[in-house]
Protein backbone atom coordinates (compact mmCIF):
# COMPACT_ATOMS: atom_id res chain seq x y z
CA MET A 1 -0.12 0.16 0.09
CA ASP A 2 1.54 3.41 -0.84
CA ARG A 3 1.38 6.48 1.54
CA ALA A 4 -0.83 8.18 -0.44
CA PHE A 5 -3.29 5.22 -0.41
CA MET A 6 -2.85 5.06 3.44
CA ARG A 7 -3.24 8.87 3.89
CA ARG A 8 -6.60 8.86 1.87
CA SER A 9 -8.12 5.50 3.89
CA ILE A 10 -7.31 7.09 7.45
CA GLY A 11 -8.94 10.43 6.20
CA ARG A 12 -11.92 8.45 4.72
CA ASN A 13 -12.09 6.58 8.50
CA ILE A 14 -11.75 9.57 10.27
CA ARG A 15 -14.19 11.59 8.41
CA HIS A 16 -16.61 8.51 8.85
CA GLN A 17 -16.22 8.05 12.60
CA ARG A 18 -16.64 11.67 12.98
CA GLN A 19 -19.96 11.91 11.08
CA LEU A 20 -21.13 8.41 13.43
CA SER A 21 -20.19 10.26 16.58
CA GLY A 22 -22.20 13.58 15.33
CA LEU A 23 -19.44 15.70 15.72
CA GLN A 24 -18.71 18.69 13.66
CA GLU A 25 -15.30 19.45 12.07
CA THR A 26 -15.05 22.41 14.53
CA VAL A 27 -15.47 20.61 17.33
CA LEU A 28 -13.43 17.49 16.57
CA ALA A 29 -10.29 20.04 15.90
CA SER A 30 -10.83 21.59 19.18
CA HIS A 31 -10.95 18.13 20.99
CA LEU A 32 -7.66 17.58 19.31
CA GLY A 33 -5.94 20.76 19.83
CA ILE A 34 -5.20 21.16 16.23
CA PRO A 35 -6.38 24.00 13.65
CA LEU A 36 -9.44 23.37 11.76
CA GLN A 37 -7.13 23.23 8.30
CA ARG A 38 -5.26 20.40 9.63
CA LEU A 39 -8.33 18.12 10.40
CA ARG A 40 -9.49 18.80 7.12
CA LYS A 41 -6.01 17.78 5.13
CA TYR A 42 -6.35 14.56 7.42
CA GLU A 43 -9.70 14.08 6.11
CA SER A 44 -9.23 14.89 2.44
CA GLY A 45 -6.04 12.74 3.09
CA GLY A 46 -3.39 15.47 1.97
CA ASP A 47 -1.66 14.77 5.52
CA SER A 48 -1.84 12.08 8.11
CA PRO A 49 -2.25 12.53 11.96
CA THR A 50 0.54 11.64 14.19
CA CYS A 51 0.51 8.22 16.53
CA ASP A 52 -0.54 10.39 19.60
CA GLU A 53 -3.44 12.02 17.45
CA LEU A 54 -4.58 8.59 16.38
CA ILE A 55 -4.52 7.52 19.82
CA ALA A 56 -6.51 10.31 20.95
CA LEU A 57 -9.15 10.04 17.85
CA ALA A 58 -9.77 6.06 18.99
CA ARG A 59 -10.14 7.27 22.39
CA LEU A 60 -12.73 9.46 21.59
CA PHE A 61 -14.82 7.80 18.81
CA ARG A 62 -14.19 4.84 21.18
CA CYS A 63 -12.90 2.34 18.51
CA PRO A 64 -9.33 0.41 18.31
CA VAL A 65 -6.57 2.35 16.31
CA ASP A 66 -6.72 -0.10 13.61
CA ALA A 67 -10.28 0.98 12.52
CA LEU A 68 -8.75 4.26 11.97
CA CYS A 69 -6.02 2.91 9.86
CA ARG A 70 -7.48 -0.02 7.66
CA GLU A 71 -8.15 0.25 4.16
CA ALA A 72 -11.27 2.26 3.73
CA PRO A 73 -13.39 2.26 0.53
């Protein structure tokens, strides 16, 4: 799996979990302590969250970290 594909998969999974949780982008970015633009980059696959951010996302969404990292459709 190449890096760009992985970034897109992680982004799709973050967006999916955020929507399932009913969180707005601004609220999630605030919980993570990151700018809204960075969250949007993550969700679009333009950048990847750090390991610490992935762990924080998994805790917030109450899902395993690998649920955020697995291949997304």
